[in-house]
């Protein structure tokens, strides 16, 4: 019996830009793992259209584990999502959309392990923000919002924003791990695949290990 993993995300998860993504590397090491890709390039956690994470999560099939990897578009696009306040439940603010997404995932997929990944950032991609966006916030501010909201729902977070081990600000690492300062190269995907796999094993336990080693 396979172990099913739903990947909800943006262009980092969508099957574009490179041939092999973080989940591909993990599947190679875990042959019993089945991945369903729910990545759509350019999409946000907060609501700006029907593709927002906080709306389309309902379209996913059942799974053993669900990861949410997003937030960089909320922060970096030319019309960034307002950060809002922790108390928000408005899907148009980042805090509000996070609350709606976390509660919705736990309600609609009560049997699934739910995990979040914070966005890494950008140096050099198009008109994306670098440092602070036009509202005055850094990508770390949006990562902090993810960590804070998820903590209130007891949802584990892998803080790739601070703990991926490389940064687009370093020119040598930018060339190796990114293709354009934002989107990861295959080497970048391979590198983050290890902490993501470790997270899956930690929170899915022996069920993941046994069923993925088939």
C-alpha atoms as a PDB file:
ATOM      1  CA  UNK A   1       0.000   0.000   0.000  1.00  0.00           C
ATOM      2  CA  UNK A   2       1.440   3.353  -1.060  1.00  0.00           C
ATOM      3  CA  UNK A   3       1.792   6.481   1.045  1.00  0.00           C
ATOM      4  CA  UNK A   4       0.054   9.477  -0.574  1.00  0.00           C
ATOM      5  CA  UNK A   5       1.457  13.012  -0.367  1.00  0.00           C
ATOM      6  CA  UNK A   6      -0.428  16.096  -1.613  1.00  0.00           C
ATOM      7  CA  UNK A   7       1.856  19.028  -2.451  1.00  0.00           C
ATOM      8  CA  UNK A   8      -0.046  22.327  -2.378  1.00  0.00           C
ATOM      9  CA  UNK A   9       2.145  25.089  -3.728  1.00  0.00           C
ATOM     10  CA  UNK A  10       3.148  27.721  -6.263  1.00  0.00           C
ATOM     11  CA  UNK A  11       5.786  27.717  -9.031  1.00  0.00           C
ATOM     12  CA  UNK A  12       8.374  26.077  -6.767  1.00  0.00           C
ATOM     13  CA  UNK A  13       6.069  23.039  -6.630  1.00  0.00           C
ATOM     14  CA  UNK A  14       4.492  23.283 -10.094  1.00  0.00           C
ATOM     15  CA  UNK A  15       6.107  20.974 -12.655  1.00  0.00           C
ATOM     16  CA  UNK A  16       7.842  23.790 -14.549  1.00  0.00           C
ATOM     17  CA  UNK A  17      11.274  25.488 -14.818  1.00  0.00           C
ATOM     18  CA  UNK A  18      13.232  22.282 -14.081  1.00  0.00           C
ATOM     19  CA  UNK A  19      12.737  18.573 -14.708  1.00  0.00           C
ATOM     20  CA  UNK A  20      13.283  17.361 -11.148  1.00  0.00           C
ATOM     21  CA  UNK A  21      11.710  18.918  -8.079  1.00  0.00           C
ATOM     22  CA  UNK A  22      12.048  18.307  -4.359  1.00  0.00           C
ATOM     23  CA  UNK A  23       9.298  15.686  -4.403  1.00  0.00           C
ATOM     24  CA  UNK A  24      10.924  13.854  -7.333  1.00  0.00           C
ATOM     25  CA  UNK A  25      14.129  13.405  -5.363  1.00  0.00           C
ATOM     26  CA  UNK A  26      12.188  12.173  -2.358  1.00  0.00           C
ATOM     27  CA  UNK A  27      10.202   9.716  -4.501  1.00  0.00           C
ATOM     28  CA  UNK A  28      13.483   8.315  -5.842  1.00  0.00           C
ATOM     29  CA  UNK A  29      14.575   7.546  -2.294  1.00  0.00           C
ATOM     30  CA  UNK A  30      11.100   6.416  -1.175  1.00  0.00           C
ATOM     31  CA  UNK A  31       9.685   4.205  -3.958  1.00  0.00           C
ATOM     32  CA  UNK A  32       6.372   3.552  -2.188  1.00  0.00           C
ATOM     33  CA  UNK A  33       5.543   7.271  -2.109  1.00  0.00           C
ATOM     34  CA  UNK A  34       2.802   8.648  -4.380  1.00  0.00           C
ATOM     35  CA  UNK A  35       2.859  12.408  -4.980  1.00  0.00           C
ATOM     36  CA  UNK A  36      -0.088  14.466  -6.142  1.00  0.00           C
ATOM     37  CA  UNK A  37       1.091  17.835  -7.422  1.00  0.00           C
ATOM     38  CA  UNK A  38      -1.217  20.743  -6.596  1.00  0.00           C
ATOM     39  CA  UNK A  39       1.293  23.442  -7.466  1.00  0.00           C
ATOM     40  CA  UNK A  40       0.155  26.327  -9.669  1.00  0.00           C
ATOM     41  CA  UNK A  41       2.672  28.949 -10.738  1.00  0.00           C
ATOM     42  CA  UNK A  42       2.072  32.503  -9.528  1.00  0.00           C
ATOM     43  CA  UNK A  43      -0.538  31.597  -6.911  1.00  0.00           C
ATOM     44  CA  UNK A  44      -0.840  32.954  -3.396  1.00  0.00           C
ATOM     45  CA  UNK A  45      -1.981  31.735  -0.029  1.00  0.00           C
ATOM     46  CA  UNK A  46      -4.184  34.837   0.297  1.00  0.00           C
ATOM     47  CA  UNK A  47      -7.148  35.430  -1.960  1.00  0.00           C
ATOM     48  CA  UNK A  48      -6.615  37.487  -5.093  1.00  0.00           C
ATOM     49  CA  UNK A  49      -8.400  35.079  -7.457  1.00  0.00           C
ATOM     50  CA  UNK A  50      -9.891  31.578  -7.531  1.00  0.00           C
ATOM     51  CA  UNK A  51      -6.446  29.924  -7.539  1.00  0.00           C
ATOM     52  CA  UNK A  52      -5.588  31.109  -4.016  1.00  0.00           C
ATOM     53  CA  UNK A  53      -4.480  28.334  -1.669  1.00  0.00           C
ATOM     54  CA  UNK A  54      -7.195  29.331   0.808  1.00  0.00           C
ATOM     55  CA  UNK A  55      -9.809  28.490  -1.833  1.00  0.00           C
ATOM     56  CA  UNK A  56      -8.471  25.633  -3.950  1.00  0.00           C
ATOM     57  CA  UNK A  57      -7.310  23.392  -1.102  1.00  0.00           C
ATOM     58  CA  UNK A  58     -10.836  21.939  -1.150  1.00  0.00           C
ATOM     59  CA  UNK A  59     -10.200  20.464  -4.605  1.00  0.00           C
ATOM     60  CA  UNK A  60      -7.540  18.036  -3.377  1.00  0.00           C
ATOM     61  CA  UNK A  61      -8.114  14.315  -2.996  1.00  0.00           C
ATOM     62  CA  UNK A  62      -7.557  12.590   0.331  1.00  0.00           C
ATOM     63  CA  UNK A  63      -3.964  11.961   1.313  1.00  0.00           C
ATOM     64  CA  UNK A  64      -1.798  10.692   4.150  1.00  0.00           C
ATOM     65  CA  UNK A  65       0.172  13.934   4.332  1.00  0.00           C
ATOM     66  CA  UNK A  66      -0.346  17.436   2.933  1.00  0.00           C
ATOM     67  CA  UNK A  67       2.434  19.999   2.603  1.00  0.00           C
ATOM     68  CA  UNK A  68       1.794  23.689   1.972  1.00  0.00           C
ATOM     69  CA  UNK A  69       4.727  25.493   0.350  1.00  0.00           C
ATOM     70  CA  UNK A  70       3.889  29.084  -0.495  1.00  0.00           C
ATOM     71  CA  UNK A  71       3.910  32.723   0.514  1.00  0.00           C
ATOM     72  CA  UNK A  72       6.601  34.078  -1.767  1.00  0.00           C
ATOM     73  CA  UNK A  73       4.005  35.461  -4.187  1.00  0.00           C
ATOM     74  CA  UNK A  74       2.020  37.035  -1.354  1.00  0.00           C
ATOM     75  CA  UNK A  75       5.194  38.869  -0.364  1.00  0.00           C
ATOM     76  CA  UNK A  76       7.027  39.518  -3.615  1.00  0.00           C
ATOM     77  CA  UNK A  77       4.579  40.265  -6.399  1.00  0.00           C
ATOM     78  CA  UNK A  78       4.075  43.871  -7.498  1.00  0.00           C
ATOM     79  CA  UNK A  79       0.762  44.079  -5.629  1.00  0.00           C
ATOM     80  CA  UNK A  80       1.683  42.143  -2.478  1.00  0.00           C
ATOM     81  CA  UNK A  81      -0.884  40.785  -0.067  1.00  0.00           C
ATOM     82  CA  UNK A  82      -1.358  42.917   3.043  1.00  0.00           C
ATOM     83  CA  UNK A  83       0.179  41.134   5.996  1.00  0.00           C
ATOM     84  CA  UNK A  84      -2.763  42.056   8.225  1.00  0.00           C
ATOM     85  CA  UNK A  85      -3.043  41.095  11.885  1.00  0.00           C
ATOM     86  CA  UNK A  86      -2.997  37.779  13.681  1.00  0.00           C
ATOM     87  CA  UNK A  87      -6.673  38.221  14.581  1.00  0.00           C
ATOM     88  CA  UNK A  88      -7.745  38.529  10.921  1.00  0.00           C
ATOM     89  CA  UNK A  89     -10.066  36.062   9.260  1.00  0.00           C
ATOM     90  CA  UNK A  90     -10.202  38.011   6.000  1.00  0.00           C
ATOM     91  CA  UNK A  91      -8.927  35.887   3.103  1.00  0.00           C
ATOM     92  CA  UNK A  92      -7.477  38.985   1.430  1.00  0.00           C
ATOM     93  CA  UNK A  93      -4.843  39.449   4.153  1.00  0.00           C
ATOM     94  CA  UNK A  94      -1.999  37.013   4.659  1.00  0.00           C
ATOM     95  CA  UNK A  95      -2.782  36.343   8.314  1.00  0.00           C
ATOM     96  CA  UNK A  96      -6.475  35.931   7.581  1.00  0.00           C
ATOM     97  CA  UNK A  97      -5.909  33.550   4.684  1.00  0.00           C
ATOM     98  CA  UNK A  98      -3.501  31.463   6.757  1.00  0.00           C
ATOM     99  CA  UNK A  99      -6.132  31.020   9.466  1.00  0.00           C
ATOM    100  CA  UNK A 100      -8.755  30.017   6.915  1.00  0.00           C
ATOM    101  CA  UNK A 101      -6.358  27.620   5.206  1.00  0.00           C
ATOM    102  CA  UNK A 102      -5.168  25.934   8.393  1.00  0.00           C
ATOM    103  CA  UNK A 103      -8.671  25.530   9.789  1.00  0.00           C
ATOM    104  CA  UNK A 104      -9.986  24.342   6.429  1.00  0.00           C
ATOM    105  CA  UNK A 105      -7.259  21.752   5.973  1.00  0.00           C
ATOM    106  CA  UNK A 106      -7.784  20.343   9.453  1.00  0.00           C
ATOM    107  CA  UNK A 107     -11.549  20.233   8.953  1.00  0.00           C
ATOM    108  CA  UNK A 108     -11.598  18.800   5.431  1.00  0.00           C
ATOM    109  CA  UNK A 109      -8.663  16.396   5.838  1.00  0.00           C
ATOM    110  CA  UNK A 110      -8.823  15.423   9.529  1.00  0.00           C
ATOM    111  CA  UNK A 111      -6.896  12.188   9.000  1.00  0.00           C
ATOM    112  CA  UNK A 112      -3.974  13.790   7.145  1.00  0.00           C
ATOM    113  CA  UNK A 113      -0.711  15.020   8.612  1.00  0.00           C
ATOM    114  CA  UNK A 114      -0.493  18.709   7.658  1.00  0.00           C
ATOM    115  CA  UNK A 115       2.866  20.449   7.319  1.00  0.00           C
ATOM    116  CA  UNK A 116       3.918  23.917   6.142  1.00  0.00           C
ATOM    117  CA  UNK A 117       7.124  25.178   4.497  1.00  0.00           C
ATOM    118  CA  UNK A 118       8.110  28.849   4.524  1.00  0.00           C
ATOM    119  CA  UNK A 119       9.266  30.633   1.340  1.00  0.00           C
ATOM    120  CA  UNK A 120      12.969  31.192   0.695  1.00  0.00           C
ATOM    121  CA  UNK A 121      13.030  34.629  -0.955  1.00  0.00           C
ATOM    122  CA  UNK A 122      14.339  36.323  -4.093  1.00  0.00           C
ATOM    123  CA  UNK A 123      17.302  38.209  -5.476  1.00  0.00           C
ATOM    124  CA  UNK A 124      16.993  39.061  -9.136  1.00  0.00           C
ATOM    125  CA  UNK A 125      13.734  37.650 -10.514  1.00  0.00           C
ATOM    126  CA  UNK A 126      11.846  40.109 -12.688  1.00  0.00           C
ATOM    127  CA  UNK A 127       9.838  42.727 -10.824  1.00  0.00           C
ATOM    128  CA  UNK A 128       9.714  40.696  -7.619  1.00  0.00           C
ATOM    129  CA  UNK A 129      10.569  42.368  -4.346  1.00  0.00           C
ATOM    130  CA  UNK A 130      14.125  42.284  -3.037  1.00  0.00           C
ATOM    131  CA  UNK A 131      14.553  42.973   0.668  1.00  0.00           C
ATOM    132  CA  UNK A 132      11.293  44.747   1.485  1.00  0.00           C
ATOM    133  CA  UNK A 133       8.165  44.786  -0.642  1.00  0.00           C
ATOM    134  CA  UNK A 134       6.252  47.974  -1.427  1.00  0.00           C
ATOM    135  CA  UNK A 135       4.337  47.612   1.851  1.00  0.00           C
ATOM    136  CA  UNK A 136       7.605  47.617   3.788  1.00  0.00           C
ATOM    137  CA  UNK A 137       7.683  43.917   4.733  1.00  0.00           C
ATOM    138  CA  UNK A 138      10.402  41.312   4.234  1.00  0.00           C
ATOM    139  CA  UNK A 139       9.914  37.696   3.250  1.00  0.00           C
ATOM    140  CA  UNK A 140      10.863  36.877   6.851  1.00  0.00           C
ATOM    141  CA  UNK A 141       7.770  38.786   8.017  1.00  0.00           C
ATOM    142  CA  UNK A 142       5.574  36.482   5.946  1.00  0.00           C
ATOM    143  CA  UNK A 143       7.508  33.448   7.155  1.00  0.00           C
ATOM    144  CA  UNK A 144       6.948  34.610  10.736  1.00  0.00           C
ATOM    145  CA  UNK A 145       3.216  34.835  10.040  1.00  0.00           C
ATOM    146  CA  UNK A 146       3.207  31.241   8.792  1.00  0.00           C
ATOM    147  CA  UNK A 147       5.057  30.054  11.895  1.00  0.00           C
ATOM    148  CA  UNK A 148       2.799  31.986  14.259  1.00  0.00           C
ATOM    149  CA  UNK A 149      -0.511  30.931  12.720  1.00  0.00           C
ATOM    150  CA  UNK A 150       0.540  27.295  12.303  1.00  0.00           C
ATOM    151  CA  UNK A 151       1.646  27.186  15.939  1.00  0.00           C
ATOM    152  CA  UNK A 152      -1.858  28.181  16.986  1.00  0.00           C
ATOM    153  CA  UNK A 153      -3.214  25.133  15.089  1.00  0.00           C
ATOM    154  CA  UNK A 154      -0.395  22.837  16.292  1.00  0.00           C
ATOM    155  CA  UNK A 155       0.815  22.441  12.694  1.00  0.00           C
ATOM    156  CA  UNK A 156       4.566  21.834  12.259  1.00  0.00           C
ATOM    157  CA  UNK A 157       6.552  24.214  10.049  1.00  0.00           C
ATOM    158  CA  UNK A 158       9.852  23.747   8.237  1.00  0.00           C
ATOM    159  CA  UNK A 159      11.332  27.244   8.135  1.00  0.00           C
ATOM    160  CA  UNK A 160      13.202  27.113   4.836  1.00  0.00           C
ATOM    161  CA  UNK A 161      13.319  30.905   4.881  1.00  0.00           C
ATOM    162  CA  UNK A 162      15.961  30.675   7.608  1.00  0.00           C
ATOM    163  CA  UNK A 163      17.090  27.047   7.603  1.00  0.00           C
ATOM    164  CA  UNK A 164      17.467  25.864   3.996  1.00  0.00           C
ATOM    165  CA  UNK A 165      21.255  26.271   4.256  1.00  0.00           C
ATOM    166  CA  UNK A 166      21.711  28.573   1.256  1.00  0.00           C
ATOM    167  CA  UNK A 167      20.667  32.065   0.223  1.00  0.00           C
ATOM    168  CA  UNK A 168      20.052  33.914  -3.049  1.00  0.00           C
ATOM    169  CA  UNK A 169      21.973  36.853  -1.593  1.00  0.00           C
ATOM    170  CA  UNK A 170      25.228  34.913  -1.979  1.00  0.00           C
ATOM    171  CA  UNK A 171      26.251  35.121  -5.672  1.00  0.00           C
ATOM    172  CA  UNK A 172      27.918  31.697  -5.715  1.00  0.00           C
ATOM    173  CA  UNK A 173      24.953  29.975  -4.048  1.00  0.00           C
ATOM    174  CA  UNK A 174      22.530  31.938  -6.216  1.00  0.00           C
ATOM    175  CA  UNK A 175      24.195  30.548  -9.334  1.00  0.00           C
ATOM    176  CA  UNK A 176      24.222  26.993  -7.974  1.00  0.00           C
ATOM    177  CA  UNK A 177      20.856  26.679  -6.255  1.00  0.00           C
ATOM    178  CA  UNK A 178      18.659  29.077  -8.263  1.00  0.00           C
ATOM    179  CA  UNK A 179      17.933  29.567 -11.943  1.00  0.00           C
ATOM    180  CA  UNK A 180      16.846  33.202 -11.696  1.00  0.00           C
ATOM    181  CA  UNK A 181      17.207  34.325  -8.076  1.00  0.00           C
ATOM    182  CA  UNK A 182      13.773  32.978  -7.090  1.00  0.00           C
ATOM    183  CA  UNK A 183      13.050  29.602  -8.665  1.00  0.00           C
ATOM    184  CA  UNK A 184      15.231  26.732  -7.556  1.00  0.00           C
ATOM    185  CA  UNK A 185      17.607  24.858  -9.818  1.00  0.00           C
ATOM    186  CA  UNK A 186      17.648  21.075  -9.688  1.00  0.00           C
ATOM    187  CA  UNK A 187      20.519  21.357  -7.200  1.00  0.00           C
ATOM    188  CA  UNK A 188      18.362  23.645  -5.065  1.00  0.00           C
ATOM    189  CA  UNK A 189      15.446  21.225  -5.180  1.00  0.00           C
ATOM    190  CA  UNK A 190      17.743  18.338  -4.319  1.00  0.00           C
ATOM    191  CA  UNK A 191      19.157  20.207  -1.336  1.00  0.00           C
ATOM    192  CA  UNK A 192      15.790  21.099   0.198  1.00  0.00           C
ATOM    193  CA  UNK A 193      14.510  17.576  -0.462  1.00  0.00           C
ATOM    194  CA  UNK A 194      16.539  16.232   2.463  1.00  0.00           C
ATOM    195  CA  UNK A 195      15.066  18.390   5.248  1.00  0.00           C
ATOM    196  CA  UNK A 196      11.602  17.938   3.733  1.00  0.00           C
ATOM    197  CA  UNK A 197      12.044  14.158   3.743  1.00  0.00           C
ATOM    198  CA  UNK A 198      13.288  14.312   7.338  1.00  0.00           C
ATOM    199  CA  UNK A 199      10.168  16.277   8.259  1.00  0.00           C
ATOM    200  CA  UNK A 200       7.917  13.708   6.596  1.00  0.00           C
ATOM    201  CA  UNK A 201       9.619  10.899   8.481  1.00  0.00           C
ATOM    202  CA  UNK A 202       9.448  12.784  11.773  1.00  0.00           C
ATOM    203  CA  UNK A 203       5.765  13.633  11.688  1.00  0.00           C
ATOM    204  CA  UNK A 204       4.416  10.675   9.696  1.00  0.00           C
ATOM    205  CA  UNK A 205       6.519   8.176  11.628  1.00  0.00           C
ATOM    206  CA  UNK A 206       6.763   4.475  10.930  1.00  0.00           C
ATOM    207  CA  UNK A 207       3.705   4.618   8.676  1.00  0.00           C
ATOM    208  CA  UNK A 208       5.690   6.722   6.194  1.00  0.00           C
ATOM    209  CA  UNK A 209       8.899   4.735   6.564  1.00  0.00           C
ATOM    210  CA  UNK A 210       7.257   1.311   6.201  1.00  0.00           C
ATOM    211  CA  UNK A 211       4.942   2.114   3.322  1.00  0.00           C
ATOM    212  CA  UNK A 212       7.472   4.166   1.370  1.00  0.00           C
ATOM    213  CA  UNK A 213      10.134   1.479   1.464  1.00  0.00           C
ATOM    214  CA  UNK A 214       8.018  -0.974  -0.526  1.00  0.00           C
END
